[in-house]
Amino acid sequence: MQTDEEDISAFDADKMRTDKMLVMREFGLKLRSNLGKIPFADDVTASFYCAMDGKSPAFVKAILFGALAYFIMPADVIPDFIAGLGYTDDASVLIVAMKTVQKYITEEHRKKASVFLDKEQSD
C-alpha cells in the first residue's frame, strides 16, 4: 500500500521523465559553467544527488527534477545572463523544492556534492 508521500499521481510522469533526461544530460555542464556565479552550488548539487538516488521516493524525484530542470533552462522568468538577478528565480524555485523534500536530502547527498564541487574547483 502506498502512502500519500509515495503517490505521484498528482505529478505528470511524462514531464518527470523529460525533466530527468534534461537534468542528466545538462546538469554537469550548467553547474560547471556557472560555479563562480551561483552561491547555492552546494544545495543544487545535493539536490541532484538526492534526485538521482534510487532510495528517494518518486514524489521527491519529481519535485527535484522539476526544480533542477528550471535551473538548467536558460529562458525562465529572469534570464540567467542578467548580472546580479539572473539566478534569483532559480534559487527561489530550488529553495522551495528543497524545503518541500528536505528530510530526503541526506548527509550522504551533501557529502557527494562536496566531493564533486571540490574536484570541480580544483580542476
N, C-alpha and C. Protein backbone atom coordinates (compact mmCIF):
# COMPACT_ATOMS: atom_id res chain seq x y z
N MET A 1 0.84 -1.19 0.00
CA MET A 1 0.00 0.00 0.00
C MET A 1 0.89 1.25 0.00
N GLN A 2 0.57 2.20 -0.86
CA GLN A 2 1.35 3.43 -0.94
C GLN A 2 0.86 4.45 0.07
N THR A 3 1.81 5.19 0.62
CA THR A 3 1.44 6.32 1.47
C THR A 3 1.22 7.52 0.57
N ASP A 4 0.66 8.59 1.12
CA ASP A 4 0.45 9.81 0.33
C ASP A 4 1.76 10.33 -0.24
N GLU A 5 2.86 10.19 0.53
CA GLU A 5 4.15 10.69 0.07
C GLU A 5 4.67 9.90 -1.12
N GLU A 6 4.31 8.61 -1.22
CA GLU A 6 4.79 7.79 -2.32
C GLU A 6 3.93 7.93 -3.57
N ASP A 7 2.73 8.45 -3.44
CA ASP A 7 1.81 8.59 -4.57
C ASP A 7 2.20 9.79 -5.42
N ILE A 8 2.55 9.54 -6.68
CA ILE A 8 2.92 10.65 -7.56
C ILE A 8 1.83 10.90 -8.60
N SER A 9 0.63 10.45 -8.33
CA SER A 9 -0.44 10.62 -9.31
C SER A 9 -0.71 12.09 -9.60
N ALA A 10 -0.36 12.98 -8.67
CA ALA A 10 -0.55 14.41 -8.89
C ALA A 10 0.51 14.97 -9.84
N PHE A 11 1.54 14.19 -10.10
CA PHE A 11 2.63 14.64 -10.97
C PHE A 11 2.46 14.04 -12.36
N ASP A 12 2.91 14.74 -13.34
CA ASP A 12 2.88 14.29 -14.72
C ASP A 12 4.11 13.41 -14.95
N ALA A 13 3.90 12.11 -15.13
CA ALA A 13 5.00 11.17 -15.28
C ALA A 13 5.84 11.47 -16.52
N ASP A 14 5.20 11.90 -17.62
CA ASP A 14 5.96 12.23 -18.82
C ASP A 14 6.85 13.44 -18.59
N LYS A 15 6.34 14.45 -17.89
CA LYS A 15 7.14 15.64 -17.59
C LYS A 15 8.32 15.25 -16.70
N MET A 16 8.08 14.39 -15.73
CA MET A 16 9.17 13.97 -14.85
C MET A 16 10.26 13.26 -15.66
N ARG A 17 9.88 12.40 -16.59
CA ARG A 17 10.88 11.72 -17.43
C ARG A 17 11.64 12.73 -18.29
N THR A 18 10.93 13.68 -18.86
CA THR A 18 11.57 14.72 -19.68
C THR A 18 12.53 15.55 -18.84
N ASP A 19 12.08 15.96 -17.65
CA ASP A 19 12.94 16.74 -16.74
C ASP A 19 14.17 15.93 -16.35
N LYS A 20 13.98 14.65 -16.06
CA LYS A 20 15.11 13.80 -15.66
C LYS A 20 16.13 13.69 -16.79
N MET A 21 15.64 13.48 -18.01
CA MET A 21 16.56 13.38 -19.15
C MET A 21 17.34 14.68 -19.35
N LEU A 22 16.67 15.81 -19.23
CA LEU A 22 17.33 17.11 -19.35
C LEU A 22 18.39 17.27 -18.26
N VAL A 23 18.02 16.96 -17.04
CA VAL A 23 18.95 17.10 -15.91
C VAL A 23 20.15 16.19 -16.09
N MET A 24 19.92 14.96 -16.48
CA MET A 24 21.03 14.02 -16.65
C MET A 24 21.97 14.48 -17.77
N ARG A 25 21.42 15.07 -18.81
CA ARG A 25 22.21 15.50 -19.96
C ARG A 25 22.94 16.82 -19.71
N GLU A 26 22.30 17.77 -19.02
CA GLU A 26 22.80 19.14 -18.96
C GLU A 26 23.29 19.64 -17.60
N PHE A 27 22.97 18.92 -16.53
CA PHE A 27 23.26 19.46 -15.20
C PHE A 27 24.74 19.75 -14.99
N GLY A 28 25.60 18.79 -15.29
CA GLY A 28 27.03 18.97 -15.06
C GLY A 28 27.60 20.16 -15.81
N LEU A 29 27.22 20.31 -17.06
CA LEU A 29 27.69 21.43 -17.87
C LEU A 29 27.20 22.77 -17.32
N LYS A 30 25.92 22.85 -16.98
CA LYS A 30 25.36 24.09 -16.44
C LYS A 30 26.06 24.46 -15.13
N LEU A 31 26.25 23.49 -14.27
CA LEU A 31 26.90 23.75 -12.99
C LEU A 31 28.35 24.18 -13.19
N ARG A 32 29.09 23.45 -14.00
CA ARG A 32 30.50 23.78 -14.22
C ARG A 32 30.68 25.18 -14.80
N SER A 33 29.81 25.54 -15.73
CA SER A 33 29.97 26.84 -16.39
C SER A 33 29.51 28.01 -15.51
N ASN A 34 28.91 27.71 -14.36
CA ASN A 34 28.39 28.78 -13.50
C ASN A 34 28.87 28.68 -12.05
N LEU A 35 29.88 27.89 -11.80
CA LEU A 35 30.32 27.67 -10.41
C LEU A 35 30.63 28.96 -9.66
N GLY A 36 31.27 29.89 -10.26
CA GLY A 36 31.62 31.12 -9.56
C GLY A 36 30.48 32.12 -9.47
N LYS A 37 29.39 31.84 -10.16
CA LYS A 37 28.28 32.79 -10.24
C LYS A 37 27.11 32.46 -9.33
N ILE A 38 27.04 31.23 -8.86
CA ILE A 38 25.88 30.84 -8.04
C ILE A 38 26.32 30.48 -6.63
N PRO A 39 25.76 31.16 -5.65
CA PRO A 39 26.15 30.89 -4.26
C PRO A 39 25.49 29.64 -3.68
N PHE A 40 24.60 29.02 -4.42
CA PHE A 40 23.86 27.87 -3.90
C PHE A 40 24.30 26.56 -4.57
N ALA A 41 25.53 26.51 -5.07
CA ALA A 41 26.02 25.34 -5.79
C ALA A 41 25.98 24.08 -4.92
N ASP A 42 26.29 24.19 -3.64
CA ASP A 42 26.27 23.01 -2.77
C ASP A 42 24.85 22.46 -2.63
N ASP A 43 23.88 23.33 -2.49
CA ASP A 43 22.49 22.89 -2.34
C ASP A 43 21.96 22.28 -3.64
N VAL A 44 22.23 22.90 -4.76
CA VAL A 44 21.73 22.39 -6.03
C VAL A 44 22.38 21.04 -6.35
N THR A 45 23.64 20.88 -5.99
CA THR A 45 24.33 19.62 -6.26
C THR A 45 23.81 18.52 -5.32
N ALA A 46 23.57 18.84 -4.07
CA ALA A 46 22.98 17.86 -3.15
C ALA A 46 21.58 17.45 -3.62
N SER A 47 20.85 18.41 -4.16
CA SER A 47 19.52 18.10 -4.71
C SER A 47 19.63 17.14 -5.89
N PHE A 48 20.64 17.37 -6.73
CA PHE A 48 20.87 16.46 -7.86
C PHE A 48 21.12 15.04 -7.35
N TYR A 49 22.00 14.90 -6.38
CA TYR A 49 22.30 13.56 -5.86
C TYR A 49 21.08 12.93 -5.20
N CYS A 50 20.25 13.70 -4.55
CA CYS A 50 19.02 13.18 -3.96
C CYS A 50 18.07 12.71 -5.06
N ALA A 51 17.91 13.51 -6.11
CA ALA A 51 17.02 13.15 -7.21
C ALA A 51 17.49 11.88 -7.92
N MET A 52 18.79 11.67 -7.99
CA MET A 52 19.35 10.50 -8.67
C MET A 52 19.39 9.26 -7.77
N ASP A 53 19.17 9.42 -6.49
CA ASP A 53 19.25 8.33 -5.53
C ASP A 53 18.06 7.37 -5.70
N GLY A 54 18.35 6.12 -5.93
CA GLY A 54 17.30 5.11 -6.10
C GLY A 54 16.43 4.94 -4.87
N LYS A 55 16.92 5.38 -3.71
CA LYS A 55 16.14 5.26 -2.47
C LYS A 55 15.18 6.43 -2.27
N SER A 56 15.33 7.50 -3.04
CA SER A 56 14.44 8.66 -2.91
C SER A 56 13.06 8.31 -3.47
N PRO A 57 12.00 8.67 -2.75
CA PRO A 57 10.65 8.41 -3.25
C PRO A 57 10.38 9.14 -4.57
N ALA A 58 9.46 8.61 -5.34
CA ALA A 58 9.14 9.16 -6.66
C ALA A 58 8.70 10.62 -6.57
N PHE A 59 7.92 10.99 -5.56
CA PHE A 59 7.46 12.38 -5.48
C PHE A 59 8.62 13.33 -5.23
N VAL A 60 9.63 12.87 -4.50
CA VAL A 60 10.83 13.68 -4.24
C VAL A 60 11.57 13.90 -5.56
N LYS A 61 11.73 12.83 -6.31
CA LYS A 61 12.41 12.93 -7.61
C LYS A 61 11.66 13.88 -8.53
N ALA A 62 10.34 13.78 -8.57
CA ALA A 62 9.53 14.64 -9.44
C ALA A 62 9.74 16.11 -9.09
N ILE A 63 9.71 16.42 -7.80
CA ILE A 63 9.90 17.81 -7.34
C ILE A 63 11.30 18.30 -7.68
N LEU A 64 12.30 17.50 -7.36
CA LEU A 64 13.69 17.94 -7.58
C LEU A 64 14.06 17.99 -9.05
N PHE A 65 13.62 17.01 -9.84
CA PHE A 65 13.92 17.07 -11.27
C PHE A 65 13.27 18.30 -11.91
N GLY A 66 12.07 18.64 -11.47
CA GLY A 66 11.41 19.84 -11.99
C GLY A 66 12.19 21.10 -11.65
N ALA A 67 12.63 21.20 -10.41
CA ALA A 67 13.39 22.38 -9.97
C ALA A 67 14.76 22.44 -10.66
N LEU A 68 15.41 21.29 -10.79
CA LEU A 68 16.72 21.26 -11.46
C LEU A 68 16.58 21.57 -12.95
N ALA A 69 15.52 21.11 -13.57
CA ALA A 69 15.28 21.44 -14.98
C ALA A 69 15.08 22.94 -15.14
N TYR A 70 14.38 23.56 -14.20
CA TYR A 70 14.19 25.02 -14.24
C TYR A 70 15.54 25.73 -14.14
N PHE A 71 16.39 25.24 -13.26
CA PHE A 71 17.74 25.80 -13.11
C PHE A 71 18.52 25.71 -14.41
N ILE A 72 18.37 24.61 -15.14
CA ILE A 72 19.13 24.38 -16.36
C ILE A 72 18.63 25.24 -17.52
N MET A 73 17.34 25.43 -17.60
CA MET A 73 16.76 26.16 -18.74
C MET A 73 17.20 27.62 -18.73
N PRO A 74 17.79 28.10 -19.83
CA PRO A 74 18.25 29.49 -19.86
C PRO A 74 17.11 30.50 -19.98
N ALA A 75 16.00 30.09 -20.55
CA ALA A 75 14.86 31.01 -20.72
C ALA A 75 13.85 30.74 -19.60
N ASP A 76 13.95 31.52 -18.55
CA ASP A 76 12.99 31.40 -17.46
C ASP A 76 12.52 32.80 -17.08
N VAL A 77 11.90 32.95 -15.94
CA VAL A 77 11.30 34.24 -15.57
C VAL A 77 12.33 35.37 -15.62
N ILE A 78 13.49 35.15 -15.02
CA ILE A 78 14.58 36.13 -15.09
C ILE A 78 15.75 35.43 -15.79
N PRO A 79 16.07 35.82 -17.02
CA PRO A 79 17.14 35.16 -17.76
C PRO A 79 18.45 35.14 -16.97
N ASP A 80 19.15 34.00 -17.04
CA ASP A 80 20.35 33.79 -16.24
C ASP A 80 21.47 34.77 -16.55
N PHE A 81 21.49 35.34 -17.73
CA PHE A 81 22.60 36.23 -18.11
C PHE A 81 22.51 37.62 -17.48
N ILE A 82 21.43 37.95 -16.83
CA ILE A 82 21.29 39.27 -16.20
C ILE A 82 22.11 39.30 -14.90
N ALA A 83 23.16 40.07 -14.90
CA ALA A 83 24.08 40.12 -13.77
C ALA A 83 23.35 40.53 -12.49
N GLY A 84 23.60 39.78 -11.44
CA GLY A 84 23.04 40.09 -10.13
C GLY A 84 21.63 39.59 -9.90
N LEU A 85 20.88 39.38 -10.96
CA LEU A 85 19.49 38.93 -10.81
C LEU A 85 19.21 37.59 -11.47
N GLY A 86 20.03 37.20 -12.41
CA GLY A 86 19.75 36.06 -13.26
C GLY A 86 19.44 34.75 -12.57
N TYR A 87 20.00 34.55 -11.40
CA TYR A 87 19.78 33.27 -10.72
C TYR A 87 18.84 33.39 -9.52
N THR A 88 18.25 34.55 -9.30
CA THR A 88 17.36 34.70 -8.14
C THR A 88 16.11 33.85 -8.28
N ASP A 89 15.55 33.77 -9.47
CA ASP A 89 14.36 32.93 -9.64
C ASP A 89 14.74 31.45 -9.55
N ASP A 90 15.89 31.07 -10.09
CA ASP A 90 16.35 29.68 -9.99
C ASP A 90 16.54 29.31 -8.52
N ALA A 91 17.19 30.18 -7.77
CA ALA A 91 17.41 29.92 -6.35
C ALA A 91 16.09 29.80 -5.60
N SER A 92 15.13 30.66 -5.93
CA SER A 92 13.82 30.60 -5.25
C SER A 92 13.12 29.28 -5.51
N VAL A 93 13.12 28.84 -6.76
CA VAL A 93 12.49 27.57 -7.11
C VAL A 93 13.18 26.42 -6.39
N LEU A 94 14.51 26.43 -6.39
CA LEU A 94 15.27 25.36 -5.73
C LEU A 94 15.06 25.37 -4.21
N ILE A 95 15.01 26.53 -3.61
CA ILE A 95 14.79 26.62 -2.16
C ILE A 95 13.44 26.04 -1.78
N VAL A 96 12.40 26.40 -2.52
CA VAL A 96 11.06 25.87 -2.23
C VAL A 96 11.05 24.35 -2.42
N ALA A 97 11.65 23.87 -3.50
CA ALA A 97 11.70 22.42 -3.74
C ALA A 97 12.45 21.71 -2.61
N MET A 98 13.60 22.27 -2.23
CA MET A 98 14.40 21.65 -1.19
C MET A 98 13.69 21.67 0.16
N LYS A 99 13.01 22.75 0.48
CA LYS A 99 12.26 22.83 1.73
C LYS A 99 11.16 21.77 1.76
N THR A 100 10.54 21.56 0.60
CA THR A 100 9.45 20.59 0.50
C THR A 100 9.95 19.17 0.77
N VAL A 101 11.15 18.85 0.34
CA VAL A 101 11.67 17.48 0.46
C VAL A 101 12.91 17.40 1.35
N GLN A 102 13.11 18.37 2.22
CA GLN A 102 14.36 18.48 2.98
C GLN A 102 14.73 17.23 3.76
N LYS A 103 13.76 16.49 4.26
CA LYS A 103 14.11 15.32 5.06
C LYS A 103 14.70 14.19 4.20
N TYR A 104 14.58 14.30 2.88
CA TYR A 104 15.12 13.28 1.98
C TYR A 104 16.50 13.64 1.44
N ILE A 105 16.93 14.88 1.61
CA ILE A 105 18.28 15.29 1.20
C ILE A 105 19.19 14.98 2.38
N THR A 106 19.92 13.89 2.24
CA THR A 106 20.67 13.34 3.36
C THR A 106 22.09 13.88 3.44
N GLU A 107 22.73 13.54 4.53
CA GLU A 107 24.14 13.91 4.69
C GLU A 107 24.98 13.23 3.61
N GLU A 108 24.61 12.04 3.18
CA GLU A 108 25.31 11.35 2.10
C GLU A 108 25.23 12.16 0.80
N HIS A 109 24.06 12.73 0.49
CA HIS A 109 23.92 13.56 -0.71
C HIS A 109 24.80 14.80 -0.60
N ARG A 110 24.83 15.39 0.58
CA ARG A 110 25.65 16.59 0.79
C ARG A 110 27.14 16.28 0.69
N LYS A 111 27.55 15.12 1.19
CA LYS A 111 28.96 14.73 1.08
C LYS A 111 29.35 14.51 -0.36
N LYS A 112 28.49 13.84 -1.14
CA LYS A 112 28.77 13.62 -2.56
C LYS A 112 28.88 14.96 -3.28
N ALA A 113 28.00 15.89 -2.94
CA ALA A 113 28.03 17.22 -3.54
C ALA A 113 29.34 17.92 -3.22
N SER A 114 29.77 17.83 -1.97
CA SER A 114 31.01 18.48 -1.55
C SER A 114 32.21 17.90 -2.29
N VAL A 115 32.26 16.58 -2.42
CA VAL A 115 33.36 15.94 -3.14
C VAL A 115 33.36 16.39 -4.59
N PHE A 116 32.19 16.38 -5.23
CA PHE A 116 32.09 16.81 -6.63
C PHE A 116 32.55 18.25 -6.80
N LEU A 117 32.06 19.15 -5.95
CA LEU A 117 32.39 20.58 -6.08
C LEU A 117 33.87 20.82 -5.79
N ASP A 118 34.42 20.13 -4.80
CA ASP A 118 35.85 20.28 -4.51
C ASP A 118 36.68 19.86 -5.72
N LYS A 119 36.29 18.76 -6.36
CA LYS A 119 37.01 18.30 -7.55
C LYS A 119 36.89 19.31 -8.68
N GLU A 120 35.70 19.84 -8.90
CA GLU A 120 35.48 20.79 -9.99
C GLU A 120 36.27 22.07 -9.77
N GLN A 121 36.34 22.52 -8.54
CA GLN A 121 37.02 23.78 -8.25
C GLN A 121 38.53 23.62 -8.30
N SER A 122 39.01 22.39 -8.12
CA SER A 122 40.46 22.19 -8.17
C SER A 122 40.95 21.92 -9.60
N ASP A 123 40.03 21.61 -10.52
CA ASP A 123 40.42 21.36 -11.93
C ASP A 123 40.71 22.62 -12.68
